[in-house]
C-alpha atoms as a PDB file:
ATOM      1  CA  MET A   1    -175.760  24.033 185.844  1.00  0.00           C
ATOM      2  CA  ASN A   2    -175.955  26.294 188.851  1.00  0.00           C
ATOM      3  CA  GLN A   3    -179.064  28.451 188.971  1.00  0.00           C
ATOM      4  CA  LEU A   4    -178.205  30.198 192.251  1.00  0.00           C
ATOM      5  CA  VAL A   5    -175.647  32.515 190.665  1.00  0.00           C
ATOM      6  CA  ASN A   6    -175.778  35.256 188.044  1.00  0.00           C
ATOM      7  CA  LYS A   7    -176.784  33.800 184.709  1.00  0.00           C
ATOM      8  CA  SER A   8    -175.664  36.367 182.101  1.00  0.00           C
ATOM      9  CA  VAL A   9    -172.460  38.337 182.662  1.00  0.00           C
ATOM     10  CA  ALA A  10    -169.926  39.355 180.022  1.00  0.00           C
ATOM     11  CA  SER A  11    -166.738  37.278 179.857  1.00  0.00           C
ATOM     12  CA  ASP A  12    -163.426  37.487 178.010  1.00  0.00           C
ATOM     13  CA  ASN A  13    -164.217  33.970 176.843  1.00  0.00           C
ATOM     14  CA  ASP A  14    -167.056  34.504 174.363  1.00  0.00           C
ATOM     15  CA  ASP A  15    -167.982  30.823 174.599  1.00  0.00           C
ATOM     16  CA  LEU A  16    -168.442  30.874 178.385  1.00  0.00           C
ATOM     17  CA  ARG A  17    -171.428  33.173 178.636  1.00  0.00           C
ATOM     18  CA  ASN A  18    -172.899  32.005 181.934  1.00  0.00           C
ATOM     19  CA  ILE A  19    -172.661  29.272 184.529  1.00  0.00           C
ATOM     20  CA  SER A  20    -174.841  26.892 182.511  1.00  0.00           C
ATOM     21  CA  ASP A  21    -172.076  26.733 179.910  1.00  0.00           C
ATOM     22  CA  THR A  22    -169.773  25.012 182.395  1.00  0.00           C
ATOM     23  CA  ALA A  23    -171.890  21.918 181.740  1.00  0.00           C
ATOM     24  CA  ARG A  24    -170.457  21.864 178.221  1.00  0.00           C
ATOM     25  CA  TRP A  25    -166.790  21.799 179.232  1.00  0.00           C
ATOM     26  CA  VAL A  26    -167.397  19.232 181.985  1.00  0.00           C
ATOM     27  CA  ALA A  27    -169.055  17.041 179.335  1.00  0.00           C
ATOM     28  CA  ILE A  28    -165.795  17.160 177.354  1.00  0.00           C
ATOM     29  CA  TYR A  29    -163.939  15.456 180.217  1.00  0.00           C
ATOM     30  CA  ARG A  30    -166.599  12.751 180.338  1.00  0.00           C
ATOM     31  CA  ALA A  31    -166.217  12.300 176.591  1.00  0.00           C
ATOM     32  CA  MET A  32    -162.429  12.014 176.899  1.00  0.00           C
ATOM     33  CA  GLU A  33    -162.726   9.329 179.575  1.00  0.00           C
ATOM     34  CA  SER A  34    -165.415   7.471 177.627  1.00  0.00           C
ATOM     35  CA  GLU A  35    -163.175   7.266 174.566  1.00  0.00           C
ATOM     36  CA  ARG A  36    -160.321   5.575 176.425  1.00  0.00           C
ATOM     37  CA  PRO A  37    -159.979   1.801 175.970  1.00  0.00           C
ATOM     38  CA  ASP A  38    -159.794   1.456 179.765  1.00  0.00           C
ATOM     39  CA  ALA A  39    -162.655   3.872 180.504  1.00  0.00           C
ATOM     40  CA  HIS A  40    -164.231   3.677 183.956  1.00  0.00           C
ATOM     41  CA  PHE A  41    -167.599   4.748 182.502  1.00  0.00           C
ATOM     42  CA  ARG A  42    -169.055   5.222 179.038  1.00  0.00           C
ATOM     43  CA  ASP A  43    -170.998   8.348 178.172  1.00  0.00           C
ATOM     44  CA  PRO A  44    -171.665   8.062 174.429  1.00  0.00           C
ATOM     45  CA  PHE A  45    -173.631  11.319 174.426  1.00  0.00           C
ATOM     46  CA  ALA A  46    -171.104  13.595 176.135  1.00  0.00           C
ATOM     47  CA  ARG A  47    -169.259  14.910 173.087  1.00  0.00           C
ATOM     48  CA  ARG A  48    -172.499  15.456 171.176  1.00  0.00           C
ATOM     49  CA  LEU A  49    -173.936  17.489 174.049  1.00  0.00           C
ATOM     50  CA  ALA A  50    -170.756  19.493 174.616  1.00  0.00           C
ATOM     51  CA  GLY A  51    -170.397  20.446 170.945  1.00  0.00           C
ATOM     52  CA  GLU A  52    -167.611  22.537 169.504  1.00  0.00           C
ATOM     53  CA  ARG A  53    -168.282  25.307 171.993  1.00  0.00           C
ATOM     54  CA  GLY A  54    -167.713  22.897 174.844  1.00  0.00           C
ATOM     55  CA  GLU A  55    -164.351  21.926 173.368  1.00  0.00           C
ATOM     56  CA  ARG A  56    -163.321  25.569 173.073  1.00  0.00           C
ATOM     57  CA  ILE A  57    -164.384  26.290 176.666  1.00  0.00           C
ATOM     58  CA  ALA A  58    -162.485  23.260 177.956  1.00  0.00           C
ATOM     59  CA  ALA A  59    -159.373  24.334 176.051  1.00  0.00           C
ATOM     60  CA  SER A  60    -159.534  27.738 177.735  1.00  0.00           C
ATOM     61  CA  MET A  61    -159.866  26.349 181.280  1.00  0.00           C
ATOM     62  CA  GLU A  62    -156.167  25.746 181.905  1.00  0.00           C
ATOM     63  CA  PHE A  63    -156.282  24.695 185.553  1.00  0.00           C
ATOM     64  CA  ALA A  64    -159.314  22.451 185.066  1.00  0.00           C
ATOM     65  CA  SER A  65    -157.773  20.775 182.023  1.00  0.00           C
ATOM     66  CA  ARG A  66    -154.608  19.941 183.975  1.00  0.00           C
ATOM     67  CA  ASN A  67    -156.815  18.292 186.574  1.00  0.00           C
ATOM     68  CA  ALA A  68    -159.306  16.485 184.343  1.00  0.00           C
ATOM     69  CA  TRP A  69    -158.779  13.443 186.588  1.00  0.00           C
ATOM     70  CA  SER A  70    -160.930  15.152 189.234  1.00  0.00           C
ATOM     71  CA  PHE A  71    -163.977  15.156 186.950  1.00  0.00           C
ATOM     72  CA  VAL A  72    -163.440  11.473 186.167  1.00  0.00           C
ATOM     73  CA  ALA A  73    -163.187  10.617 189.871  1.00  0.00           C
ATOM     74  CA  ARG A  74    -166.210  12.760 190.696  1.00  0.00           C
ATOM     75  CA  THR A  75    -168.313  11.019 188.050  1.00  0.00           C
ATOM     76  CA  VAL A  76    -167.272   7.572 189.265  1.00  0.00           C
ATOM     77  CA  LEU A  77    -168.044   8.429 192.899  1.00  0.00           C
ATOM     78  CA  PHE A  78    -171.486   9.844 192.116  1.00  0.00           C
ATOM     79  CA  ASP A  79    -172.225   6.763 190.013  1.00  0.00           C
ATOM     80  CA  ARG A  80    -171.266   4.581 192.959  1.00  0.00           C
ATOM     81  CA  PHE A  81    -173.393   6.476 195.481  1.00  0.00           C
ATOM     82  CA  ILE A  82    -176.347   6.373 193.097  1.00  0.00           C
ATOM     83  CA  GLN A  83    -176.025   2.623 192.587  1.00  0.00           C
ATOM     84  CA  ASP A  84    -175.660   2.000 196.318  1.00  0.00           C
ATOM     85  CA  SER A  85    -178.689   4.146 197.166  1.00  0.00           C
ATOM     86  CA  ILE A  86    -180.872   2.412 194.584  1.00  0.00           C
ATOM     87  CA  ALA A  87    -179.754  -0.957 195.936  1.00  0.00           C
ATOM     88  CA  GLY A  88    -180.744   0.353 199.374  1.00  0.00           C
ATOM     89  CA  GLY A  89    -184.284   1.116 198.265  1.00  0.00           C
ATOM     90  CA  ALA A  90    -184.258   4.558 196.647  1.00  0.00           C
ATOM     91  CA  ASP A  91    -187.191   4.781 194.229  1.00  0.00           C
ATOM     92  CA  MET A  92    -186.468   8.313 192.990  1.00  0.00           C
ATOM     93  CA  VAL A  93    -183.344  10.296 192.114  1.00  0.00           C
ATOM     94  CA  VAL A  94    -183.626  14.092 192.007  1.00  0.00           C
ATOM     95  CA  ASN A  95    -180.747  15.700 190.117  1.00  0.00           C
ATOM     96  CA  LEU A  96    -180.622  19.415 190.903  1.00  0.00           C
ATOM     97  CA  ALA A  97    -178.761  21.599 188.397  1.00  0.00           C
ATOM     98  CA  ALA A  98    -178.512  18.493 186.224  1.00  0.00           C
ATOM     99  CA  GLY A  99    -176.566  20.171 183.419  1.00  0.00           C
ATOM    100  CA  LEU A 100    -175.760  17.742 180.607  1.00  0.00           C
ATOM    101  CA  ASP A 101    -175.688  14.638 182.783  1.00  0.00           C
ATOM    102  CA  THR A 102    -176.851  11.506 180.924  1.00  0.00           C
ATOM    103  CA  ARG A 103    -177.016   8.914 183.690  1.00  0.00           C
ATOM    104  CA  PRO A 104    -180.667   8.005 182.911  1.00  0.00           C
ATOM    105  CA  TYR A 105    -179.418   6.871 179.488  1.00  0.00           C
ATOM    106  CA  ARG A 106    -175.988   5.398 180.226  1.00  0.00           C
ATOM    107  CA  MET A 107    -176.359   3.664 183.604  1.00  0.00           C
ATOM    108  CA  ALA A 108    -177.984   0.297 184.273  1.00  0.00           C
ATOM    109  CA  LEU A 109    -181.058   1.501 186.175  1.00  0.00           C
ATOM    110  CA  PRO A 110    -184.340  -0.153 187.164  1.00  0.00           C
ATOM    111  CA  SER A 111    -187.059   0.649 184.640  1.00  0.00           C
ATOM    112  CA  THR A 112    -189.351   1.564 187.550  1.00  0.00           C
ATOM    113  CA  LEU A 113    -186.953   4.160 188.978  1.00  0.00           C
ATOM    114  CA  ARG A 114    -188.114   7.761 188.675  1.00  0.00           C
ATOM    115  CA  TRP A 115    -185.393  10.221 187.741  1.00  0.00           C
ATOM    116  CA  ILE A 116    -186.071  13.967 187.962  1.00  0.00           C
ATOM    117  CA  GLU A 117    -183.753  16.463 186.254  1.00  0.00           C
ATOM    118  CA  VAL A 118    -184.017  20.092 187.347  1.00  0.00           C
ATOM    119  CA  GLU A 119    -182.273  22.730 185.255  1.00  0.00           C
ATOM    120  CA  LEU A 120    -182.697  26.176 183.715  1.00  0.00           C
ATOM    121  CA  PRO A 121    -185.090  26.243 180.743  1.00  0.00           C
ATOM    122  CA  GLU A 122    -182.572  27.109 177.994  1.00  0.00           C
ATOM    123  CA  LEU A 123    -180.039  24.393 178.812  1.00  0.00           C
ATOM    124  CA  LEU A 124    -182.801  21.874 179.451  1.00  0.00           C
ATOM    125  CA  ALA A 125    -184.349  22.617 176.046  1.00  0.00           C
ATOM    126  CA  ASP A 126    -180.989  22.145 174.294  1.00  0.00           C
ATOM    127  CA  LYS A 127    -180.425  18.848 176.065  1.00  0.00           C
ATOM    128  CA  THR A 128    -183.928  17.574 175.353  1.00  0.00           C
ATOM    129  CA  ALA A 129    -183.520  18.348 171.647  1.00  0.00           C
ATOM    130  CA  ALA A 130    -180.097  16.680 171.442  1.00  0.00           C
ATOM    131  CA  LEU A 131    -181.391  13.473 173.073  1.00  0.00           C
ATOM    132  CA  ALA A 132    -184.809  13.430 171.426  1.00  0.00           C
ATOM    133  CA  ASN A 133    -184.128  10.148 169.608  1.00  0.00           C
ATOM    134  CA  GLU A 134    -182.629   8.381 172.624  1.00  0.00           C
ATOM    135  CA  THR A 135    -184.524   6.256 175.148  1.00  0.00           C
ATOM    136  CA  PRO A 136    -183.810   6.561 178.880  1.00  0.00           C
ATOM    137  CA  ARG A 137    -183.561   3.380 180.923  1.00  0.00           C
ATOM    138  CA  CYS A 138    -185.834   4.652 183.679  1.00  0.00           C
ATOM    139  CA  ARG A 139    -188.817   6.986 184.084  1.00  0.00           C
ATOM    140  CA  LEU A 140    -187.275  10.355 183.293  1.00  0.00           C
ATOM    141  CA  GLU A 141    -188.940  13.697 184.023  1.00  0.00           C
ATOM    142  CA  ARG A 142    -187.391  17.078 183.286  1.00  0.00           C
ATOM    143  CA  VAL A 143    -188.337  20.204 185.222  1.00  0.00           C
ATOM    144  CA  ALA A 144    -187.389  23.672 183.984  1.00  0.00           C
ATOM    145  CA  LEU A 145    -186.794  25.673 187.148  1.00  0.00           C
ATOM    146  CA  ASP A 146    -184.497  28.333 188.552  1.00  0.00           C
ATOM    147  CA  LEU A 147    -183.434  26.973 191.943  1.00  0.00           C
ATOM    148  CA  ALA A 148    -182.926  30.532 193.156  1.00  0.00           C
ATOM    149  CA  ASN A 149    -186.723  30.773 193.194  1.00  0.00           C
ATOM    150  CA  VAL A 150    -187.109  29.459 196.726  1.00  0.00           C
ATOM    151  CA  ALA A 151    -190.904  29.247 196.699  1.00  0.00           C
ATOM    152  CA  ALA A 152    -190.943  27.337 193.406  1.00  0.00           C
ATOM    153  CA  ARG A 153    -188.302  24.855 194.497  1.00  0.00           C
ATOM    154  CA  ARG A 154    -190.105  24.203 197.789  1.00  0.00           C
ATOM    155  CA  ASP A 155    -193.303  23.518 195.849  1.00  0.00           C
ATOM    156  CA  LEU A 156    -191.384  21.090 193.632  1.00  0.00           C
ATOM    157  CA  PHE A 157    -189.800  19.344 196.616  1.00  0.00           C
ATOM    158  CA  ALA A 158    -193.199  19.001 198.292  1.00  0.00           C
ATOM    159  CA  ARG A 159    -194.718  17.448 195.158  1.00  0.00           C
ATOM    160  CA  LEU A 160    -191.881  14.998 194.665  1.00  0.00           C
ATOM    161  CA  SER A 161    -191.942  14.006 198.320  1.00  0.00           C
ATOM    162  CA  GLN A 162    -195.536  12.851 197.905  1.00  0.00           C
ATOM    163  CA  GLU A 163    -194.658  10.786 194.828  1.00  0.00           C
ATOM    164  CA  ALA A 164    -191.831   8.677 196.289  1.00  0.00           C
ATOM    165  CA  ARG A 165    -190.952   6.735 199.424  1.00  0.00           C
ATOM    166  CA  ARG A 166    -187.166   7.115 199.501  1.00  0.00           C
ATOM    167  CA  VAL A 167    -185.407   9.837 197.486  1.00  0.00           C
ATOM    168  CA  LEU A 168    -181.740  10.389 196.681  1.00  0.00           C
ATOM    169  CA  VAL A 169    -180.881  13.992 195.834  1.00  0.00           C
ATOM    170  CA  ILE A 170    -177.701  14.700 193.868  1.00  0.00           C
ATOM    171  CA  THR A 171    -176.075  18.094 193.357  1.00  0.00           C
ATOM    172  CA  GLU A 172    -172.981  17.428 191.273  1.00  0.00           C
ATOM    173  CA  GLY A 173    -170.863  20.520 190.691  1.00  0.00           C
ATOM    174  CA  LEU A 174    -173.368  22.842 192.370  1.00  0.00           C
ATOM    175  CA  VAL A 175    -172.578  23.787 195.958  1.00  0.00           C
ATOM    176  CA  VAL A 176    -169.075  25.119 195.213  1.00  0.00           C
ATOM    177  CA  TYR A 177    -170.740  28.094 193.491  1.00  0.00           C
ATOM    178  CA  LEU A 178    -173.076  28.887 196.395  1.00  0.00           C
ATOM    179  CA  SER A 179    -172.654  31.384 199.166  1.00  0.00           C
ATOM    180  CA  ASP A 180    -172.735  29.944 202.683  1.00  0.00           C
ATOM    181  CA  GLN A 181    -176.223  31.394 203.123  1.00  0.00           C
ATOM    182  CA  ASP A 182    -177.503  29.792 199.906  1.00  0.00           C
ATOM    183  CA  ALA A 183    -175.946  26.457 200.879  1.00  0.00           C
ATOM    184  CA  VAL A 184    -177.701  26.578 204.260  1.00  0.00           C
ATOM    185  CA  SER A 185    -181.027  27.475 202.638  1.00  0.00           C
ATOM    186  CA  LEU A 186    -180.810  24.615 200.154  1.00  0.00           C
ATOM    187  CA  ALA A 187    -179.661  22.104 202.788  1.00  0.00           C
ATOM    188  CA  GLU A 188    -182.505  22.994 205.131  1.00  0.00           C
ATOM    189  CA  ASP A 189    -185.106  22.905 202.358  1.00  0.00           C
ATOM    190  CA  LEU A 190    -183.927  19.430 201.381  1.00  0.00           C
ATOM    191  CA  ALA A 191    -183.785  18.263 205.002  1.00  0.00           C
ATOM    192  CA  GLY A 192    -187.310  19.551 205.553  1.00  0.00           C
ATOM    193  CA  THR A 193    -188.698  17.329 202.799  1.00  0.00           C
ATOM    194  CA  PRO A 194    -189.903  14.084 204.444  1.00  0.00           C
ATOM    195  CA  THR A 195    -188.931  11.477 201.846  1.00  0.00           C
ATOM    196  CA  PHE A 196    -185.643  13.099 200.797  1.00  0.00           C
ATOM    197  CA  HIS A 197    -183.569  10.456 202.539  1.00  0.00           C
ATOM    198  CA  ARG A 198    -180.068  10.884 201.072  1.00  0.00           C
ATOM    199  CA  TRP A 199    -178.058  13.692 199.503  1.00  0.00           C
ATOM    200  CA  ALA A 200    -174.848  13.309 197.485  1.00  0.00           C
ATOM    201  CA  LEU A 201    -172.720  16.390 196.832  1.00  0.00           C
ATOM    202  CA  ASP A 202    -169.147  17.380 196.071  1.00  0.00           C
ATOM    203  CA  MET A 203    -167.154  20.035 197.918  1.00  0.00           C
ATOM    204  CA  ILE A 204    -163.624  21.369 198.351  1.00  0.00           C
ATOM    205  CA  SER A 205    -161.467  22.785 201.126  1.00  0.00           C
ATOM    206  CA  PRO A 206    -160.595  26.500 201.475  1.00  0.00           C
ATOM    207  CA  ALA A 207    -156.957  25.751 200.597  1.00  0.00           C
ATOM    208  CA  LEU A 208    -157.903  23.980 197.391  1.00  0.00           C
ATOM    209  CA  MET A 209    -160.278  26.763 196.415  1.00  0.00           C
ATOM    210  CA  GLN A 210    -157.510  29.335 196.849  1.00  0.00           C
ATOM    211  CA  ARG A 211    -155.138  27.228 194.805  1.00  0.00           C
ATOM    212  CA  MET A 212    -157.714  26.847 192.038  1.00  0.00           C
ATOM    213  CA  GLN A 213    -158.336  30.584 191.999  1.00  0.00           C
ATOM    214  CA  LYS A 214    -154.612  31.292 191.743  1.00  0.00           C
ATOM    215  CA  GLY A 215    -153.861  28.440 189.366  1.00  0.00           C
ATOM    216  CA  GLY A 216    -155.101  30.217 186.249  1.00  0.00           C
ATOM    217  CA  GLY A 217    -157.782  29.239 183.782  1.00  0.00           C
ATOM    218  CA  LEU A 218    -160.698  30.029 186.115  1.00  0.00           C
ATOM    219  CA  LYS A 219    -160.834  33.765 185.450  1.00  0.00           C
ATOM    220  CA  SER A 220    -163.534  33.152 182.849  1.00  0.00           C
ATOM    221  CA  LEU A 221    -165.769  31.667 185.540  1.00  0.00           C
ATOM    222  CA  GLU A 222    -165.560  34.838 187.603  1.00  0.00           C
ATOM    223  CA  GLN A 223    -166.255  36.991 184.560  1.00  0.00           C
ATOM    224  CA  ALA A 224    -169.260  34.840 183.721  1.00  0.00           C
ATOM    225  CA  GLY A 225    -170.723  35.610 187.144  1.00  0.00           C
ATOM    226  CA  ALA A 226    -169.827  32.231 188.646  1.00  0.00           C
ATOM    227  CA  PRO A 227    -166.869  32.582 191.018  1.00  0.00           C
ATOM    228  CA  LEU A 228    -166.090  29.703 193.349  1.00  0.00           C
ATOM    229  CA  LYS A 229    -167.531  30.547 196.775  1.00  0.00           C
ATOM    230  CA  PHE A 230    -168.346  27.604 199.010  1.00  0.00           C
ATOM    231  CA  ALA A 231    -165.479  25.965 200.876  1.00  0.00           C
ATOM    232  CA  PRO A 232    -166.317  25.845 204.595  1.00  0.00           C
ATOM    233  CA  GLU A 233    -163.434  25.356 207.032  1.00  0.00           C
ATOM    234  CA  GLU A 234    -165.278  22.574 208.841  1.00  0.00           C
ATOM    235  CA  GLY A 235    -165.659  20.605 205.612  1.00  0.00           C
ATOM    236  CA  PRO A 236    -168.583  18.141 205.386  1.00  0.00           C
ATOM    237  CA  ALA A 237    -169.465  18.834 209.030  1.00  0.00           C
ATOM    238  CA  PHE A 238    -170.932  22.124 207.794  1.00  0.00           C
ATOM    239  CA  PHE A 239    -174.093  20.292 206.731  1.00  0.00           C
ATOM    240  CA  GLU A 240    -174.452  18.368 209.973  1.00  0.00           C
ATOM    241  CA  ARG A 241    -175.715  21.582 211.563  1.00  0.00           C
ATOM    242  CA  HIS A 242    -178.476  21.782 208.976  1.00  0.00           C
ATOM    243  CA  GLY A 243    -180.303  18.496 209.101  1.00  0.00           C
ATOM    244  CA  TRP A 244    -177.840  16.009 207.584  1.00  0.00           C
ATOM    245  CA  THR A 245    -175.606  13.232 208.922  1.00  0.00           C
ATOM    246  CA  LEU A 246    -172.483  12.251 206.991  1.00  0.00           C
ATOM    247  CA  VAL A 247    -172.452   8.544 206.121  1.00  0.00           C
ATOM    248  CA  ASP A 248    -169.613   8.421 203.569  1.00  0.00           C
ATOM    249  CA  VAL A 249    -166.988  10.737 202.134  1.00  0.00           C
ATOM    250  CA  GLN A 250    -164.461   9.916 199.414  1.00  0.00           C
ATOM    251  CA  SER A 251    -161.449  11.934 198.277  1.00  0.00           C
ATOM    252  CA  MET A 252    -161.392  12.660 194.545  1.00  0.00           C
ATOM    253  CA  LEU A 253    -157.581  12.607 194.556  1.00  0.00           C
ATOM    254  CA  GLN A 254    -157.315   9.205 196.187  1.00  0.00           C
ATOM    255  CA  THR A 255    -160.121   7.870 194.013  1.00  0.00           C
ATOM    256  CA  ALA A 256    -158.273   9.092 190.912  1.00  0.00           C
ATOM    257  CA  ALA A 257    -155.158   7.298 192.170  1.00  0.00           C
ATOM    258  CA  ARG A 258    -157.091   4.020 192.473  1.00  0.00           C
ATOM    259  CA  LEU A 259    -158.480   4.613 188.987  1.00  0.00           C
ATOM    260  CA  LYS A 260    -154.924   5.165 187.650  1.00  0.00           C
ATOM    261  CA  ARG A 261    -155.671   8.633 186.322  1.00  0.00           C
ATOM    262  CA  LEU A 262    -152.902  10.596 188.060  1.00  0.00           C
ATOM    263  CA  SER A 263    -149.478  11.732 186.934  1.00  0.00           C
ATOM    264  CA  PHE A 264    -146.432  10.404 188.788  1.00  0.00           C
ATOM    265  CA  TRP A 265    -146.164  13.490 191.016  1.00  0.00           C
ATOM    266  CA  MET A 266    -149.874  13.511 191.800  1.00  0.00           C
ATOM    267  CA  ARG A 267    -149.680   9.825 192.733  1.00  0.00           C
ATOM    268  CA  LEU A 268    -147.044  10.731 195.321  1.00  0.00           C
ATOM    269  CA  ILE A 269    -149.316  13.400 196.777  1.00  0.00           C
ATOM    270  CA  ALA A 270    -152.172  10.878 196.894  1.00  0.00           C
ATOM    271  CA  LEU A 271    -150.073   8.737 199.248  1.00  0.00           C
ATOM    272  CA  LEU A 272    -150.531  11.344 201.992  1.00  0.00           C
ATOM    273  CA  PRO A 273    -153.245  10.594 204.587  1.00  0.00           C
ATOM    274  CA  ASP A 274    -156.759  11.607 203.565  1.00  0.00           C
ATOM    275  CA  SER A 275    -158.057  14.439 205.750  1.00  0.00           C
ATOM    276  CA  LYS A 276    -161.635  13.786 204.552  1.00  0.00           C
ATOM    277  CA  GLY A 277    -162.059  17.539 204.402  1.00  0.00           C
ATOM    278  CA  ARG A 278    -161.525  18.019 208.136  1.00  0.00           C
ATOM    279  CA  THR A 279    -158.258  19.973 207.815  1.00  0.00           C
ATOM    280  CA  PRO A 280    -158.866  23.487 206.450  1.00  0.00           C
ATOM    281  CA  ARG A 281    -155.237  23.875 205.312  1.00  0.00           C
ATOM    282  CA  GLY A 282    -155.340  20.696 203.245  1.00  0.00           C
ATOM    283  CA  PHE A 283    -155.776  20.636 199.473  1.00  0.00           C
ATOM    284  CA  TRP A 284    -158.855  18.436 199.572  1.00  0.00           C
ATOM    285  CA  GLY A 285    -161.831  17.788 197.315  1.00  0.00           C
ATOM    286  CA  GLY A 286    -164.308  14.999 197.752  1.00  0.00           C
ATOM    287  CA  VAL A 287    -167.783  13.590 197.240  1.00  0.00           C
ATOM    288  CA  CYS A 288    -169.987  13.237 200.308  1.00  0.00           C
ATOM    289  CA  LEU A 289    -173.054  11.163 201.013  1.00  0.00           C
ATOM    290  CA  PHE A 290    -175.423  12.389 203.704  1.00  0.00           C
ATOM    291  CA  GLU A 291    -178.594  11.016 205.264  1.00  0.00           C
ATOM    292  CA  ARG A 292    -181.345  13.211 206.612  1.00  0.00           C
ATOM    293  CA  THR A 293    -181.102  13.524 210.387  1.00  0.00           C
END
């Protein structure tokens, strides 16, 4: 998924070879939600895309598996922001580090909408082959690109800007792996693209990052060259210095509570006031929607 980190580093988990493989275990959580009778979304392709290796990776990610509700909430919130932005006039969605996302196939989208998926060549090829017999509901284009190639991504952004009037950019599960410098570079490149109107992203607080790192099950990520990095103390306000204005922010914990996906003890924690990422000491993770300043 994330092309701005090392892509091939040895790991104790033979199945988790690089950061792109995290797309496989995240797909397992979408599959698990989709198979529930009370599912909040249906992704009929998730388990196929994840494969057996995805199941093994998910089983090894102890902390993430205990908090699968966060992936459900994150998916629901991104879906909501996408729907709202399209209703508000977005004629293109650009999904950076798209991983194994299948929204062009599973969501009710206008047939005229252009949807651009940007991902590393190997993962993109696997995904294209697995979905070869499926028909997207909108105009889907896939771009094989390493986002760490700044010149190439700027060229892509410039081209897409000329082909749309109002663009929503989504980076689901990306910025948490970036350094502060890489996050600034990406934010400013996006903000400098005239028709890139909105940007949806997820982020976490420093306290939650530390807890995740100590909670076990994420060691394989570090060994695969993809440690968690980005958790600014100022929370979403970080991006307001780099060309973006926050228009909405939703807690994944409180969203999961509304979706009835929390254990009893987690429901009690969800009753606490939502800091919206403004309190560095808080265990907070959320999805943010920004508009270009």
